[in-house]
Amino acid sequence: MSEYPLCTPTAPFFGFMGVAFSLIFANLGAAYGTAKSGVGVLSAGVQGPDLIYKNLIPIIMAGVNGIYGLITAIIILNNIIPPNLDGNTPLSYSLYTGYAHLAGGLCCGLCGLASGVCIGIAGESGVRAFTQLDWMTKQRTMYRVPGARRVKKGGADQIFVGSVLIQVFAGNLALYGMITAIILTQTSYNCE
């Protein structure tokens, strides 16, 4: 063992911690984004129950973060090599590889957490604004006085498109973390 200081029996611990951090943090972000956006969807559904299905986009976007964490965890888990303890050859999984897998798991997990928080806050605000403006436009149309000047559309569609774009760019944060994690899992040092 003294000949191979990078190849200790504790090296897989760091790889498994990368798996855990990837899943835990990415799903924390997905859970927060789903909960925060869900509150906005349900409270906005009071004014516009017909818009609930259209307003589910932030919840779907937040749920994707958990999938990114799962994909990264599976990739890391498949690269963890069990120790070879026959006494003649060194352990094949190095500390270098374990640290790379830990860094990959943290990259994906923390990027997923940040993305979920961003999607949740932007999604709730966007859903409420879109539903409220749509409701106000319908009220103006319903109570329009005959002979009065025609009122332009309220702009609810523009708010919806803007809200979706914000959520797409917030979702990209988690995708960048997963791509970085995949690159990190490809770096390794084999002790054999």
N, C-alpha and C. Protein backbone atom coordinates (compact mmCIF):
# COMPACT_ATOMS: atom_id res chain seq x y z
N MET A 1 0.82 -1.20 0.00
CA MET A 1 0.00 0.00 0.00
C MET A 1 0.86 1.26 0.00
N SER A 2 2.05 1.22 0.58
CA SER A 2 2.88 2.42 0.63
C SER A 2 3.38 2.81 -0.76
N GLU A 3 3.44 1.83 -1.69
CA GLU A 3 3.88 2.14 -3.05
C GLU A 3 2.82 2.94 -3.80
N TYR A 4 1.56 2.81 -3.44
CA TYR A 4 0.48 3.44 -4.16
C TYR A 4 -0.35 4.31 -3.20
N PRO A 5 0.13 5.49 -2.86
CA PRO A 5 -0.61 6.31 -1.89
C PRO A 5 -1.94 6.83 -2.44
N LEU A 6 -2.10 6.87 -3.74
CA LEU A 6 -3.36 7.34 -4.32
C LEU A 6 -4.42 6.24 -4.38
N CYS A 7 -4.06 5.03 -4.07
CA CYS A 7 -4.96 3.90 -4.24
C CYS A 7 -5.28 3.25 -2.90
N THR A 8 -6.10 3.92 -2.14
CA THR A 8 -6.46 3.41 -0.82
C THR A 8 -7.83 2.75 -0.86
N PRO A 9 -8.14 1.91 0.11
CA PRO A 9 -9.47 1.27 0.13
C PRO A 9 -10.61 2.24 0.38
N THR A 10 -10.29 3.45 0.84
CA THR A 10 -11.35 4.44 1.11
C THR A 10 -11.70 5.29 -0.11
N ALA A 11 -11.00 5.11 -1.21
CA ALA A 11 -11.24 5.93 -2.40
C ALA A 11 -12.67 5.83 -2.93
N PRO A 12 -13.30 4.65 -2.97
CA PRO A 12 -14.68 4.59 -3.47
C PRO A 12 -15.68 5.41 -2.63
N PHE A 13 -15.33 5.69 -1.38
CA PHE A 13 -16.21 6.51 -0.54
C PHE A 13 -16.51 7.85 -1.22
N PHE A 14 -15.50 8.47 -1.82
CA PHE A 14 -15.69 9.77 -2.45
C PHE A 14 -16.55 9.65 -3.71
N GLY A 15 -16.40 8.55 -4.43
CA GLY A 15 -17.27 8.32 -5.58
C GLY A 15 -18.72 8.16 -5.17
N PHE A 16 -18.95 7.39 -4.09
CA PHE A 16 -20.32 7.22 -3.62
C PHE A 16 -20.90 8.52 -3.05
N MET A 17 -20.05 9.36 -2.48
CA MET A 17 -20.52 10.66 -2.02
C MET A 17 -20.93 11.54 -3.21
N GLY A 18 -20.21 11.40 -4.32
CA GLY A 18 -20.60 12.11 -5.54
C GLY A 18 -21.97 11.67 -6.04
N VAL A 19 -22.23 10.36 -5.96
CA VAL A 19 -23.54 9.83 -6.33
C VAL A 19 -24.62 10.43 -5.43
N ALA A 20 -24.37 10.41 -4.13
CA ALA A 20 -25.36 10.93 -3.17
C ALA A 20 -25.60 12.42 -3.36
N PHE A 21 -24.53 13.20 -3.50
CA PHE A 21 -24.71 14.65 -3.64
C PHE A 21 -25.43 15.00 -4.93
N SER A 22 -25.14 14.26 -5.98
CA SER A 22 -25.82 14.51 -7.25
C SER A 22 -27.33 14.33 -7.11
N LEU A 23 -27.72 13.22 -6.51
CA LEU A 23 -29.15 12.96 -6.34
C LEU A 23 -29.80 13.89 -5.33
N ILE A 24 -29.15 14.08 -4.19
CA ILE A 24 -29.77 14.86 -3.11
C ILE A 24 -29.98 16.31 -3.52
N PHE A 25 -28.93 16.96 -3.98
CA PHE A 25 -29.06 18.39 -4.29
C PHE A 25 -29.93 18.65 -5.52
N ALA A 26 -29.80 17.81 -6.55
CA ALA A 26 -30.64 18.01 -7.74
C ALA A 26 -32.11 17.82 -7.41
N ASN A 27 -32.41 16.83 -6.56
CA ASN A 27 -33.81 16.63 -6.19
C ASN A 27 -34.31 17.65 -5.19
N LEU A 28 -33.43 18.21 -4.37
CA LEU A 28 -33.84 19.35 -3.53
C LEU A 28 -34.26 20.53 -4.40
N GLY A 29 -33.48 20.79 -5.45
CA GLY A 29 -33.85 21.87 -6.37
C GLY A 29 -35.15 21.58 -7.09
N ALA A 30 -35.33 20.33 -7.52
CA ALA A 30 -36.58 19.96 -8.19
C ALA A 30 -37.77 20.08 -7.24
N ALA A 31 -37.57 19.66 -6.00
CA ALA A 31 -38.67 19.74 -5.03
C ALA A 31 -39.03 21.19 -4.71
N TYR A 32 -38.02 22.03 -4.52
CA TYR A 32 -38.31 23.44 -4.24
C TYR A 32 -39.00 24.11 -5.42
N GLY A 33 -38.47 23.87 -6.63
CA GLY A 33 -39.08 24.47 -7.81
C GLY A 33 -40.50 24.01 -8.03
N THR A 34 -40.76 22.73 -7.79
CA THR A 34 -42.11 22.19 -7.94
C THR A 34 -43.05 22.78 -6.89
N ALA A 35 -42.60 22.85 -5.65
CA ALA A 35 -43.45 23.38 -4.58
C ALA A 35 -43.74 24.87 -4.80
N LYS A 36 -42.72 25.64 -5.10
CA LYS A 36 -42.91 27.09 -5.27
C LYS A 36 -43.80 27.38 -6.48
N SER A 37 -43.55 26.71 -7.58
CA SER A 37 -44.38 26.91 -8.78
C SER A 37 -45.78 26.37 -8.57
N GLY A 38 -45.89 25.26 -7.84
CA GLY A 38 -47.21 24.67 -7.57
C GLY A 38 -48.09 25.60 -6.77
N VAL A 39 -47.51 26.31 -5.82
CA VAL A 39 -48.28 27.30 -5.05
C VAL A 39 -48.81 28.38 -5.99
N GLY A 40 -47.96 28.83 -6.90
CA GLY A 40 -48.40 29.85 -7.86
C GLY A 40 -49.48 29.35 -8.79
N VAL A 41 -49.34 28.11 -9.27
CA VAL A 41 -50.33 27.55 -10.19
C VAL A 41 -51.68 27.41 -9.51
N LEU A 42 -51.68 26.90 -8.30
CA LEU A 42 -52.96 26.69 -7.61
C LEU A 42 -53.62 28.00 -7.20
N SER A 43 -52.84 28.96 -6.75
CA SER A 43 -53.46 30.23 -6.38
C SER A 43 -53.91 31.01 -7.62
N ALA A 44 -53.17 30.89 -8.72
CA ALA A 44 -53.60 31.55 -9.95
C ALA A 44 -54.79 30.83 -10.57
N GLY A 45 -54.95 29.54 -10.25
CA GLY A 45 -56.09 28.78 -10.77
C GLY A 45 -57.42 29.27 -10.26
N VAL A 46 -57.42 30.03 -9.19
CA VAL A 46 -58.66 30.61 -8.68
C VAL A 46 -59.21 31.62 -9.68
N GLN A 47 -58.33 32.43 -10.26
CA GLN A 47 -58.77 33.43 -11.25
C GLN A 47 -58.95 32.83 -12.63
N GLY A 48 -58.11 31.86 -12.98
CA GLY A 48 -58.20 31.29 -14.32
C GLY A 48 -58.07 29.78 -14.31
N PRO A 49 -59.13 29.06 -13.91
CA PRO A 49 -59.02 27.60 -13.87
C PRO A 49 -58.75 26.97 -15.23
N ASP A 50 -59.12 27.65 -16.30
CA ASP A 50 -58.87 27.11 -17.63
C ASP A 50 -57.39 27.20 -18.02
N LEU A 51 -56.59 27.94 -17.27
CA LEU A 51 -55.17 28.12 -17.61
C LEU A 51 -54.24 27.21 -16.80
N ILE A 52 -54.79 26.35 -15.95
CA ILE A 52 -53.95 25.54 -15.07
C ILE A 52 -53.01 24.64 -15.89
N TYR A 53 -53.51 24.00 -16.93
CA TYR A 53 -52.65 23.10 -17.71
C TYR A 53 -51.56 23.87 -18.44
N LYS A 54 -51.87 25.07 -18.87
CA LYS A 54 -50.87 25.90 -19.55
C LYS A 54 -49.80 26.37 -18.56
N ASN A 55 -50.19 26.51 -17.30
CA ASN A 55 -49.27 27.02 -16.28
C ASN A 55 -48.41 25.93 -15.64
N LEU A 56 -48.51 24.70 -16.09
CA LEU A 56 -47.73 23.62 -15.50
C LEU A 56 -46.28 23.55 -16.01
N ILE A 57 -45.92 24.42 -16.93
CA ILE A 57 -44.58 24.38 -17.52
C ILE A 57 -43.47 24.51 -16.47
N PRO A 58 -43.57 25.45 -15.49
CA PRO A 58 -42.47 25.52 -14.51
C PRO A 58 -42.34 24.27 -13.66
N ILE A 59 -43.43 23.59 -13.41
CA ILE A 59 -43.36 22.36 -12.62
C ILE A 59 -42.64 21.27 -13.41
N ILE A 60 -42.91 21.19 -14.69
CA ILE A 60 -42.22 20.21 -15.55
C ILE A 60 -40.74 20.56 -15.65
N MET A 61 -40.43 21.85 -15.82
CA MET A 61 -39.03 22.28 -15.92
C MET A 61 -38.27 21.97 -14.64
N ALA A 62 -38.90 22.13 -13.49
CA ALA A 62 -38.24 21.84 -12.22
C ALA A 62 -38.01 20.34 -12.06
N GLY A 63 -38.94 19.54 -12.51
CA GLY A 63 -38.80 18.09 -12.40
C GLY A 63 -37.66 17.53 -13.22
N VAL A 64 -37.30 18.21 -14.28
CA VAL A 64 -36.19 17.75 -15.13
C VAL A 64 -34.88 17.76 -14.34
N ASN A 65 -34.74 18.68 -13.37
CA ASN A 65 -33.51 18.75 -12.58
C ASN A 65 -33.25 17.45 -11.85
N GLY A 66 -34.29 16.83 -11.33
CA GLY A 66 -34.12 15.54 -10.66
C GLY A 66 -33.64 14.47 -11.61
N ILE A 67 -34.10 14.52 -12.86
CA ILE A 67 -33.66 13.55 -13.86
C ILE A 67 -32.18 13.74 -14.18
N TYR A 68 -31.73 15.00 -14.25
CA TYR A 68 -30.30 15.25 -14.49
C TYR A 68 -29.46 14.66 -13.35
N GLY A 69 -29.92 14.82 -12.12
CA GLY A 69 -29.20 14.25 -10.99
C GLY A 69 -29.16 12.74 -11.04
N LEU A 70 -30.26 12.13 -11.46
CA LEU A 70 -30.31 10.68 -11.57
C LEU A 70 -29.37 10.17 -12.66
N ILE A 71 -29.34 10.83 -13.79
CA ILE A 71 -28.46 10.42 -14.89
C ILE A 71 -27.00 10.50 -14.45
N THR A 72 -26.64 11.61 -13.80
CA THR A 72 -25.26 11.76 -13.33
C THR A 72 -24.91 10.71 -12.29
N ALA A 73 -25.84 10.43 -11.38
CA ALA A 73 -25.58 9.43 -10.35
C ALA A 73 -25.35 8.06 -10.97
N ILE A 74 -26.11 7.70 -11.98
CA ILE A 74 -25.94 6.40 -12.64
C ILE A 74 -24.60 6.33 -13.36
N ILE A 75 -24.21 7.42 -14.02
CA ILE A 75 -22.92 7.44 -14.72
C ILE A 75 -21.78 7.26 -13.73
N ILE A 76 -21.84 8.00 -12.62
CA ILE A 76 -20.77 7.88 -11.61
C ILE A 76 -20.76 6.47 -11.02
N LEU A 77 -21.94 5.96 -10.70
CA LEU A 77 -22.03 4.65 -10.07
C LEU A 77 -21.46 3.55 -10.96
N ASN A 78 -21.68 3.66 -12.26
CA ASN A 78 -21.15 2.66 -13.19
C ASN A 78 -19.63 2.74 -13.33
N ASN A 79 -19.04 3.88 -12.96
CA ASN A 79 -17.58 4.04 -13.06
C ASN A 79 -16.84 3.70 -11.78
N ILE A 80 -17.56 3.45 -10.69
CA ILE A 80 -16.90 3.09 -9.44
C ILE A 80 -16.51 1.62 -9.50
N ILE A 81 -15.22 1.38 -9.31
CA ILE A 81 -14.68 0.02 -9.39
C ILE A 81 -14.48 -0.49 -7.98
N PRO A 82 -14.99 -1.69 -7.68
CA PRO A 82 -14.78 -2.22 -6.32
C PRO A 82 -13.31 -2.54 -6.08
N PRO A 83 -12.87 -2.50 -4.82
CA PRO A 83 -11.46 -2.76 -4.53
C PRO A 83 -11.06 -4.19 -4.89
N ASN A 84 -9.81 -4.33 -5.31
CA ASN A 84 -9.24 -5.63 -5.62
C ASN A 84 -8.32 -5.99 -4.46
N LEU A 85 -8.75 -6.88 -3.61
CA LEU A 85 -8.02 -7.17 -2.38
C LEU A 85 -7.37 -8.55 -2.39
N ASP A 86 -6.81 -8.97 -3.52
CA ASP A 86 -6.16 -10.28 -3.54
C ASP A 86 -4.75 -10.25 -2.96
N GLY A 87 -4.21 -9.11 -2.67
CA GLY A 87 -2.90 -9.00 -2.04
C GLY A 87 -1.75 -8.86 -3.01
N ASN A 88 -1.94 -9.18 -4.28
CA ASN A 88 -0.85 -9.12 -5.25
C ASN A 88 -0.88 -7.85 -6.09
N THR A 89 -2.06 -7.33 -6.36
CA THR A 89 -2.17 -6.14 -7.19
C THR A 89 -2.74 -5.00 -6.36
N PRO A 90 -2.42 -3.77 -6.75
CA PRO A 90 -2.95 -2.63 -5.99
C PRO A 90 -4.44 -2.45 -6.26
N LEU A 91 -5.05 -1.62 -5.47
CA LEU A 91 -6.46 -1.30 -5.68
C LEU A 91 -6.60 -0.54 -7.00
N SER A 92 -7.67 -0.79 -7.72
CA SER A 92 -7.79 -0.21 -9.06
C SER A 92 -8.48 1.16 -9.05
N TYR A 93 -9.22 1.51 -8.02
CA TYR A 93 -9.93 2.79 -7.95
C TYR A 93 -9.12 3.76 -7.11
N SER A 94 -8.68 4.85 -7.72
CA SER A 94 -7.77 5.77 -7.04
C SER A 94 -8.51 6.91 -6.36
N LEU A 95 -7.79 7.60 -5.47
CA LEU A 95 -8.34 8.80 -4.85
C LEU A 95 -8.60 9.89 -5.88
N TYR A 96 -7.73 9.95 -6.88
CA TYR A 96 -7.92 10.94 -7.95
C TYR A 96 -9.28 10.75 -8.63
N THR A 97 -9.61 9.52 -8.97
CA THR A 97 -10.89 9.21 -9.60
C THR A 97 -12.04 9.47 -8.63
N GLY A 98 -11.86 9.11 -7.37
CA GLY A 98 -12.90 9.37 -6.37
C GLY A 98 -13.18 10.86 -6.21
N TYR A 99 -12.12 11.65 -6.19
CA TYR A 99 -12.31 13.10 -6.08
C TYR A 99 -12.98 13.67 -7.32
N ALA A 100 -12.64 13.13 -8.49
CA ALA A 100 -13.28 13.58 -9.74
C ALA A 100 -14.77 13.26 -9.72
N HIS A 101 -15.12 12.08 -9.21
CA HIS A 101 -16.53 11.70 -9.13
C HIS A 101 -17.26 12.54 -8.08
N LEU A 102 -16.60 12.86 -6.99
CA LEU A 102 -17.20 13.73 -5.99
C LEU A 102 -17.44 15.12 -6.57
N ALA A 103 -16.47 15.65 -7.28
CA ALA A 103 -16.62 16.97 -7.91
C ALA A 103 -17.74 16.95 -8.94
N GLY A 104 -17.83 15.87 -9.72
CA GLY A 104 -18.91 15.77 -10.71
C GLY A 104 -20.28 15.74 -10.05
N GLY A 105 -20.41 14.97 -8.97
CA GLY A 105 -21.68 14.92 -8.26
C GLY A 105 -22.07 16.26 -7.66
N LEU A 106 -21.08 16.95 -7.10
CA LEU A 106 -21.36 18.28 -6.54
C LEU A 106 -21.72 19.28 -7.64
N CYS A 107 -21.05 19.21 -8.77
CA CYS A 107 -21.38 20.12 -9.89
C CYS A 107 -22.82 19.94 -10.33
N CYS A 108 -23.20 18.71 -10.59
CA CYS A 108 -24.55 18.46 -11.06
C CYS A 108 -25.58 18.79 -9.99
N GLY A 109 -25.32 18.37 -8.76
CA GLY A 109 -26.29 18.57 -7.70
C GLY A 109 -26.50 20.04 -7.36
N LEU A 110 -25.42 20.78 -7.20
CA LEU A 110 -25.55 22.19 -6.81
C LEU A 110 -26.09 23.05 -7.96
N CYS A 111 -25.72 22.71 -9.19
CA CYS A 111 -26.31 23.43 -10.34
C CYS A 111 -27.81 23.13 -10.44
N GLY A 112 -28.20 21.89 -10.15
CA GLY A 112 -29.62 21.54 -10.15
C GLY A 112 -30.38 22.25 -9.04
N LEU A 113 -29.75 22.41 -7.89
CA LEU A 113 -30.37 23.15 -6.78
C LEU A 113 -30.57 24.61 -7.15
N ALA A 114 -29.55 25.24 -7.71
CA ALA A 114 -29.67 26.65 -8.12
C ALA A 114 -30.73 26.81 -9.21
N SER A 115 -30.75 25.89 -10.14
CA SER A 115 -31.73 25.94 -11.22
C SER A 115 -33.15 25.78 -10.68
N GLY A 116 -33.34 24.85 -9.74
CA GLY A 116 -34.66 24.64 -9.17
C GLY A 116 -35.17 25.85 -8.41
N VAL A 117 -34.29 26.50 -7.67
CA VAL A 117 -34.69 27.72 -6.95
C VAL A 117 -35.09 28.80 -7.94
N CYS A 118 -34.30 28.96 -8.98
CA CYS A 118 -34.60 29.99 -9.99
C CYS A 118 -35.90 29.69 -10.72
N ILE A 119 -36.11 28.45 -11.11
CA ILE A 119 -37.35 28.07 -11.80
C ILE A 119 -38.55 28.27 -10.89
N GLY A 120 -38.40 27.92 -9.62
CA GLY A 120 -39.51 28.07 -8.68
C GLY A 120 -39.93 29.51 -8.50
N ILE A 121 -38.98 30.39 -8.27
CA ILE A 121 -39.30 31.80 -8.03
C ILE A 121 -39.83 32.45 -9.31
N ALA A 122 -39.13 32.25 -10.43
CA ALA A 122 -39.58 32.84 -11.69
C ALA A 122 -40.88 32.22 -12.16
N GLY A 123 -41.06 30.93 -11.94
CA GLY A 123 -42.28 30.25 -12.37
C GLY A 123 -43.49 30.73 -11.61
N GLU A 124 -43.35 30.88 -10.30
CA GLU A 124 -44.50 31.36 -9.51
C GLU A 124 -44.90 32.77 -9.94
N SER A 125 -43.93 33.65 -10.08
CA SER A 125 -44.23 35.03 -10.48
C SER A 125 -44.83 35.09 -11.88
N GLY A 126 -44.26 34.31 -12.80
CA GLY A 126 -44.75 34.30 -14.17
C GLY A 126 -46.17 33.77 -14.28
N VAL A 127 -46.46 32.70 -13.55
CA VAL A 127 -47.80 32.10 -13.58
C VAL A 127 -48.83 33.09 -13.03
N ARG A 128 -48.50 33.73 -11.93
CA ARG A 128 -49.44 34.69 -11.33
C ARG A 128 -49.67 35.89 -12.25
N ALA A 129 -48.58 36.41 -12.84
CA ALA A 129 -48.72 37.58 -13.72
C ALA A 129 -49.52 37.23 -14.97
N PHE A 130 -49.22 36.09 -15.57
CA PHE A 130 -49.92 35.68 -16.78
C PHE A 130 -51.41 35.50 -16.51
N THR A 131 -51.75 34.80 -15.42
CA THR A 131 -53.16 34.54 -15.11
C THR A 131 -53.90 35.83 -14.76
N GLN A 132 -53.24 36.69 -14.00
CA GLN A 132 -53.90 37.94 -13.60
C GLN A 132 -54.15 38.83 -14.82
N LEU A 133 -53.18 38.95 -15.70
CA LEU A 133 -53.37 39.79 -16.88
C LEU A 133 -54.41 39.19 -17.82
N ASP A 134 -54.44 37.88 -17.95
CA ASP A 134 -55.46 37.23 -18.76
C ASP A 134 -56.86 37.49 -18.18
N TRP A 135 -56.97 37.39 -16.85
CA TRP A 135 -58.25 37.63 -16.18
C TRP A 135 -58.70 39.08 -16.37
N MET A 136 -57.76 40.03 -16.25
CA MET A 136 -58.10 41.45 -16.43
C MET A 136 -58.55 41.73 -17.86
N THR A 137 -57.91 41.09 -18.82
CA THR A 137 -58.30 41.26 -20.22
C THR A 137 -59.71 40.74 -20.46
N LYS A 138 -60.03 39.59 -19.87
CA LYS A 138 -61.38 39.03 -20.01
C LYS A 138 -62.41 39.93 -19.34
N GLN A 139 -62.07 40.53 -18.22
CA GLN A 139 -63.01 41.43 -17.54
C GLN A 139 -63.28 42.66 -18.38
N ARG A 140 -62.26 43.23 -18.99
CA ARG A 140 -62.45 44.41 -19.85
C ARG A 140 -63.33 44.08 -21.04
N THR A 141 -63.12 42.90 -21.63
CA THR A 141 -63.90 42.49 -22.78
C THR A 141 -65.36 42.25 -22.39
N MET A 142 -65.56 41.69 -21.21
CA MET A 142 -66.90 41.36 -20.77
C MET A 142 -67.73 42.61 -20.46
N TYR A 143 -67.11 43.61 -19.86
CA TYR A 143 -67.84 44.80 -19.43
C TYR A 143 -67.59 46.01 -20.32
N ARG A 144 -67.29 45.77 -21.57
CA ARG A 144 -67.02 46.88 -22.48
C ARG A 144 -68.32 47.64 -22.78
N VAL A 145 -68.22 48.92 -22.74
CA VAL A 145 -69.38 49.77 -23.00
C VAL A 145 -69.56 49.90 -24.52
N PRO A 146 -70.80 49.73 -25.01
CA PRO A 146 -71.01 49.87 -26.46
C PRO A 146 -70.63 51.28 -26.92
N GLY A 147 -69.95 51.36 -28.03
CA GLY A 147 -69.54 52.63 -28.59
C GLY A 147 -68.23 53.14 -28.01
N ALA A 148 -67.68 52.49 -27.01
CA ALA A 148 -66.42 52.94 -26.42
C ALA A 148 -65.25 52.51 -27.31
N ARG A 149 -64.13 53.17 -27.09
CA ARG A 149 -62.94 52.84 -27.85
C ARG A 149 -62.51 51.40 -27.58
N ARG A 150 -62.10 50.68 -28.63
CA ARG A 150 -61.68 49.28 -28.48
C ARG A 150 -60.40 49.20 -27.68
N VAL A 151 -60.34 48.24 -26.76
CA VAL A 151 -59.17 48.05 -25.91
C VAL A 151 -58.27 47.00 -26.55
N LYS A 152 -56.97 47.29 -26.57
CA LYS A 152 -56.01 46.31 -27.10
C LYS A 152 -55.94 45.09 -26.19
N LYS A 153 -55.46 44.01 -26.74
CA LYS A 153 -55.27 42.81 -25.91
C LYS A 153 -54.33 43.15 -24.77
N GLY A 154 -54.50 42.44 -23.67
CA GLY A 154 -53.78 42.77 -22.45
C GLY A 154 -52.30 42.41 -22.43
N GLY A 155 -51.81 41.61 -23.33
CA GLY A 155 -50.41 41.25 -23.35
C GLY A 155 -50.08 40.00 -22.55
N ALA A 156 -51.11 39.21 -22.22
CA ALA A 156 -50.87 38.01 -21.43
C ALA A 156 -49.99 37.02 -22.18
N ASP A 157 -50.15 36.95 -23.50
CA ASP A 157 -49.33 36.02 -24.29
C ASP A 157 -47.85 36.41 -24.25
N GLN A 158 -47.58 37.71 -24.26
CA GLN A 158 -46.19 38.15 -24.19
C GLN A 158 -45.57 37.80 -22.84
N ILE A 159 -46.36 37.95 -21.77
CA ILE A 159 -45.85 37.57 -20.44
C ILE A 159 -45.61 36.07 -20.38
N PHE A 160 -46.49 35.29 -20.99
CA PHE A 160 -46.32 33.84 -20.98
C PHE A 160 -45.04 33.44 -21.70
N VAL A 161 -44.80 34.00 -22.86
CA VAL A 161 -43.59 33.68 -23.63
C VAL A 161 -42.34 34.10 -22.86
N GLY A 162 -42.37 35.29 -22.27
CA GLY A 162 -41.23 35.74 -21.47
C GLY A 162 -40.98 34.84 -20.28
N SER A 163 -42.03 34.42 -19.62
CA SER A 163 -41.89 33.54 -18.46
C SER A 163 -41.30 32.19 -18.86
N VAL A 164 -41.75 31.65 -19.96
CA VAL A 164 -41.21 30.36 -20.43
C VAL A 164 -39.73 30.50 -20.80
N LEU A 165 -39.36 31.60 -21.43
CA LEU A 165 -37.96 31.81 -21.79
C LEU A 165 -37.08 31.91 -20.54
N ILE A 166 -37.55 32.60 -19.52
CA ILE A 166 -36.79 32.70 -18.27
C ILE A 166 -36.59 31.31 -17.68
N GLN A 167 -37.62 30.50 -17.70
CA GLN A 167 -37.52 29.15 -17.12
C GLN A 167 -36.61 28.25 -17.94
N VAL A 168 -36.61 28.42 -19.25
CA VAL A 168 -35.71 27.63 -20.10
C VAL A 168 -34.26 27.97 -19.79
N PHE A 169 -33.96 29.25 -19.66
CA PHE A 169 -32.59 29.64 -19.35
C PHE A 169 -32.20 29.24 -17.93
N ALA A 170 -33.15 29.24 -17.01
CA ALA A 170 -32.87 28.75 -15.65
C ALA A 170 -32.63 27.25 -15.67
N GLY A 171 -33.35 26.53 -16.50
CA GLY A 171 -33.14 25.08 -16.63
C GLY A 171 -31.79 24.74 -17.24
N ASN A 172 -31.26 25.66 -18.06
CA ASN A 172 -29.95 25.42 -18.65
C ASN A 172 -28.85 25.33 -17.60
N LEU A 173 -29.04 25.98 -16.47
CA LEU A 173 -28.04 25.92 -15.40
C LEU A 173 -27.81 24.47 -14.97
N ALA A 174 -28.89 23.73 -14.80
CA ALA A 174 -28.77 22.32 -14.40
C ALA A 174 -28.14 21.50 -15.53
N LEU A 175 -28.47 21.82 -16.76
CA LEU A 175 -27.88 21.09 -17.89
C LEU A 175 -26.37 21.32 -17.96
N TYR A 176 -25.93 22.55 -17.70
CA TYR A 176 -24.49 22.84 -17.69
C TYR A 176 -23.79 22.04 -16.59
N GLY A 177 -24.43 21.93 -15.44
CA GLY A 177 -23.86 21.14 -14.35
C GLY A 177 -23.74 19.67 -14.72
N MET A 178 -24.76 19.14 -15.40
CA MET A 178 -24.70 17.73 -15.80
C MET A 178 -23.61 17.50 -16.84
N ILE A 179 -23.48 18.40 -17.80
CA ILE A 179 -22.43 18.25 -18.82
C ILE A 179 -21.05 18.29 -18.17
N THR A 180 -20.85 19.21 -17.24
CA THR A 180 -19.57 19.29 -16.53
C THR A 180 -19.32 18.02 -15.73
N ALA A 181 -20.36 17.49 -15.10
CA ALA A 181 -20.21 16.26 -14.33
C ALA A 181 -19.83 15.09 -15.23
N ILE A 182 -20.42 15.01 -16.40
CA ILE A 182 -20.07 13.92 -17.33
C ILE A 182 -18.61 14.04 -17.76
N ILE A 183 -18.15 15.27 -18.00
CA ILE A 183 -16.74 15.45 -18.36
C ILE A 183 -15.83 15.05 -17.20
N LEU A 184 -16.22 15.43 -15.99
CA LEU A 184 -15.41 15.08 -14.82
C LEU A 184 -15.35 13.57 -14.59
N THR A 185 -16.42 12.87 -14.89
CA THR A 185 -16.41 11.42 -14.67
C THR A 185 -15.52 10.69 -15.69
N GLN A 186 -15.15 11.36 -16.74
CA GLN A 186 -14.28 10.73 -17.75
C GLN A 186 -12.81 10.83 -17.37
N THR A 187 -12.47 11.67 -16.38
CA THR A 187 -11.09 11.76 -15.94
C THR A 187 -10.85 10.72 -14.85
N SER A 188 -9.80 9.96 -14.99
CA SER A 188 -9.53 8.92 -13.99
C SER A 188 -8.05 8.58 -13.96
N TYR A 189 -7.66 7.97 -12.88
CA TYR A 189 -6.30 7.45 -12.73
C TYR A 189 -6.43 6.01 -12.26
N ASN A 190 -5.95 5.09 -13.07
CA ASN A 190 -6.06 3.67 -12.76
C ASN A 190 -4.77 3.21 -12.08
N CYS A 191 -4.92 2.58 -10.95
CA CYS A 191 -3.76 2.18 -10.17
C CYS A 191 -3.07 0.93 -10.70
N GLU A 192 -3.71 0.17 -11.54
CA GLU A 192 -3.13 -1.09 -12.01
C GLU A 192 -2.16 -0.83 -13.15
